[in-house]
Structure formats: C-alpha cells, structure tokens
Protein backbone atom coordinates (compact mmCIF):
# COMPACT_ATOMS: atom_id res chain seq x y z
CA GLN A 1 0.00 0.00 0.00
CA VAL A 2 1.34 3.41 -0.97
CA HIS A 3 0.34 6.61 0.78
CA LEU A 4 0.97 9.96 -0.87
CA THR A 5 1.27 13.24 1.00
CA GLU A 6 1.37 16.61 -0.72
CA SER A 7 2.87 19.72 0.85
CA GLY A 8 4.06 23.15 -0.13
CA GLY A 9 0.79 24.87 -0.82
CA GLY A 10 -0.12 28.26 0.52
CA LEU A 11 -0.92 31.84 -0.33
CA VAL A 12 1.19 33.47 -3.01
CA GLN A 13 0.93 36.68 -4.98
CA PRO A 14 0.37 36.65 -8.74
CA GLY A 15 3.68 36.17 -10.48
CA GLY A 16 5.11 34.24 -7.55
CA SER A 17 6.37 30.69 -7.28
CA LEU A 18 5.69 27.62 -5.19
CA ARG A 19 7.10 24.12 -5.08
CA LEU A 20 4.70 21.34 -4.27
CA SER A 21 6.11 18.08 -2.95
CA CYS A 22 4.57 14.65 -3.11
CA VAL A 23 6.08 12.22 -0.65
CA ALA A 24 5.29 8.54 -0.89
CA SER A 25 5.37 5.99 1.89
CA GLY A 26 5.60 2.36 0.93
CA THR A 27 7.30 0.72 -2.01
CA ALA A 28 6.14 1.08 -5.58
CA SER A 29 4.96 -2.15 -7.17
CA GLY A 30 6.79 -1.30 -10.36
CA PRO A 31 7.32 1.49 -12.84
CA TYR A 32 4.56 4.04 -12.46
CA TRP A 33 3.02 7.14 -13.92
CA MET A 34 3.01 10.25 -11.75
CA TYR A 35 0.24 12.81 -12.15
CA TRP A 36 -0.58 16.18 -10.75
CA VAL A 37 -4.19 17.26 -11.01
CA ARG A 38 -6.02 20.20 -9.52
CA GLN A 39 -9.50 21.24 -8.58
CA SER A 40 -10.44 24.90 -8.60
CA PRO A 41 -13.35 26.16 -6.49
CA GLY A 42 -16.62 25.05 -8.04
CA LYS A 43 -14.95 23.12 -10.85
CA GLY A 44 -14.05 19.54 -11.62
CA LEU A 45 -10.67 17.89 -11.61
CA GLU A 46 -8.21 19.27 -14.14
CA TRP A 47 -5.12 17.42 -15.30
CA VAL A 48 -1.93 19.44 -14.83
CA SER A 49 1.10 17.28 -15.53
CA THR A 50 2.33 13.71 -16.00
CA MET A 51 5.66 11.98 -15.72
CA ASN A 52 6.55 8.37 -16.35
CA THR A 53 9.30 6.79 -14.30
CA VAL A 54 10.77 4.75 -17.11
CA GLY A 55 11.79 7.37 -19.63
CA ARG A 56 11.22 10.34 -17.33
CA ASN A 57 9.11 11.87 -20.05
CA THR A 58 6.87 14.72 -19.00
CA TRP A 59 3.67 16.24 -20.26
CA TYR A 60 1.85 19.43 -19.32
CA ALA A 61 -1.59 20.89 -19.79
CA ASP A 62 -1.63 23.94 -22.04
CA PRO A 63 -2.60 26.40 -19.25
CA VAL A 64 0.55 25.55 -17.28
CA LYS A 65 3.02 24.76 -20.06
CA GLY A 66 6.17 26.81 -19.70
CA ARG A 67 5.32 27.77 -16.11
CA PHE A 68 5.16 24.43 -14.29
CA THR A 69 7.79 21.70 -14.15
CA ILE A 70 7.49 18.22 -12.71
CA SER A 71 10.79 16.95 -11.36
CA ARG A 72 12.35 13.52 -10.95
CA ASP A 73 11.33 13.46 -7.30
CA SER A 74 7.72 14.07 -8.39
CA ALA A 75 7.63 17.62 -7.08
CA LEU A 76 5.77 20.28 -9.04
CA GLN A 77 7.61 23.57 -9.42
CA MET A 78 5.18 26.34 -10.24
CA SER A 79 6.21 29.80 -11.36
CA SER A 80 4.56 32.88 -12.82
CA LEU A 81 1.47 31.92 -10.90
CA LYS A 82 -1.87 33.37 -11.90
CA SER A 83 -5.13 33.73 -10.02
CA GLU A 84 -6.61 30.97 -12.16
CA ASP A 85 -4.03 28.57 -10.71
CA THR A 86 -5.86 28.75 -7.40
CA ALA A 87 -6.90 25.20 -6.59
CA VAL A 88 -6.35 22.16 -4.46
CA TYR A 89 -3.48 20.25 -6.02
CA TYR A 90 -3.37 16.46 -5.82
CA CYS A 91 -0.61 14.04 -6.73
CA MET A 92 -1.54 10.61 -8.00
CA ARG A 93 0.46 7.52 -8.84
CA ASP A 94 -0.74 4.88 -11.24
CA GLU A 95 1.19 1.68 -10.43
CA PRO A 96 0.84 -1.91 -11.60
CA ASN A 97 -0.92 -2.81 -8.34
CA GLY A 98 -3.19 0.19 -8.07
CA THR A 99 -3.79 3.91 -8.23
CA TYR A 100 -3.03 6.10 -5.24
CA TRP A 101 -4.05 9.66 -4.41
CA GLY A 102 -2.87 12.16 -1.87
CA LYS A 103 -5.28 14.34 0.09
CA GLY A 104 -4.23 17.51 -1.66
CA THR A 105 -2.60 20.82 -0.84
CA LEU A 106 -4.30 24.19 -1.30
CA VAL A 107 -2.72 26.88 -3.45
CA ILE A 108 -4.20 30.36 -3.38
CA VAL A 109 -2.89 32.95 -5.80
CA SER A 110 -4.07 36.37 -4.73
CA SER A 111 -2.79 39.84 -4.06
C-alpha cells in the first residue's frame, strides 16, 4: 500500500512561485506514472502534468506549459502563478498494483 502526502501549498501573490512536494510511503509495485491534477473552487478535476518513471518523459496541460515543471522526485515547481491557478493540487500515482491519491494541498494565488 502506498500513501501519498502533498505539501508546499499556501498563499502566493500573482507572479510568484511555489514548489509542491509529493512524498510517498511504501514501495512502488513497479514502474509508475506520476500525475498532478487540480481542482479549482466550483470546478471539476483538471489534469496538470504527468511523468513516467521509465523514460522520465513529461507532459503538461496547455494552461501551465512553460510555467510548471514536474521533477524527478515528483515535485511540481510552479512559477509565474496566476489567479486561475488557485486550486487544491493532488498528486496521484498509477502503479501496476493500483492507483493512489494524496489528500491535496491548497494553493491560493491572490494579491
């Protein structure tokens, strides 16, 4: 069983940066896909970024491309933040033995 814990959220001004971490407890059952998704107030889940652990390839949603970077340790570096980035951010791992979600970390972008 894998447990994921996000951290690093908070209040930041527009144009600022934050680094979200996703720490896993337990051992992965094999190569996995790492995802970051977010949910803005009153909206559904929105995919943000994906990384696979085999080729370390990364993908980004258009709204965050060029501003967000997912790193090898699964952290999400966010820069040039905008008010529309305000959301609860979740990390998720899709492993051979199952899919695991964290409980999320809140990011508020406001002046």
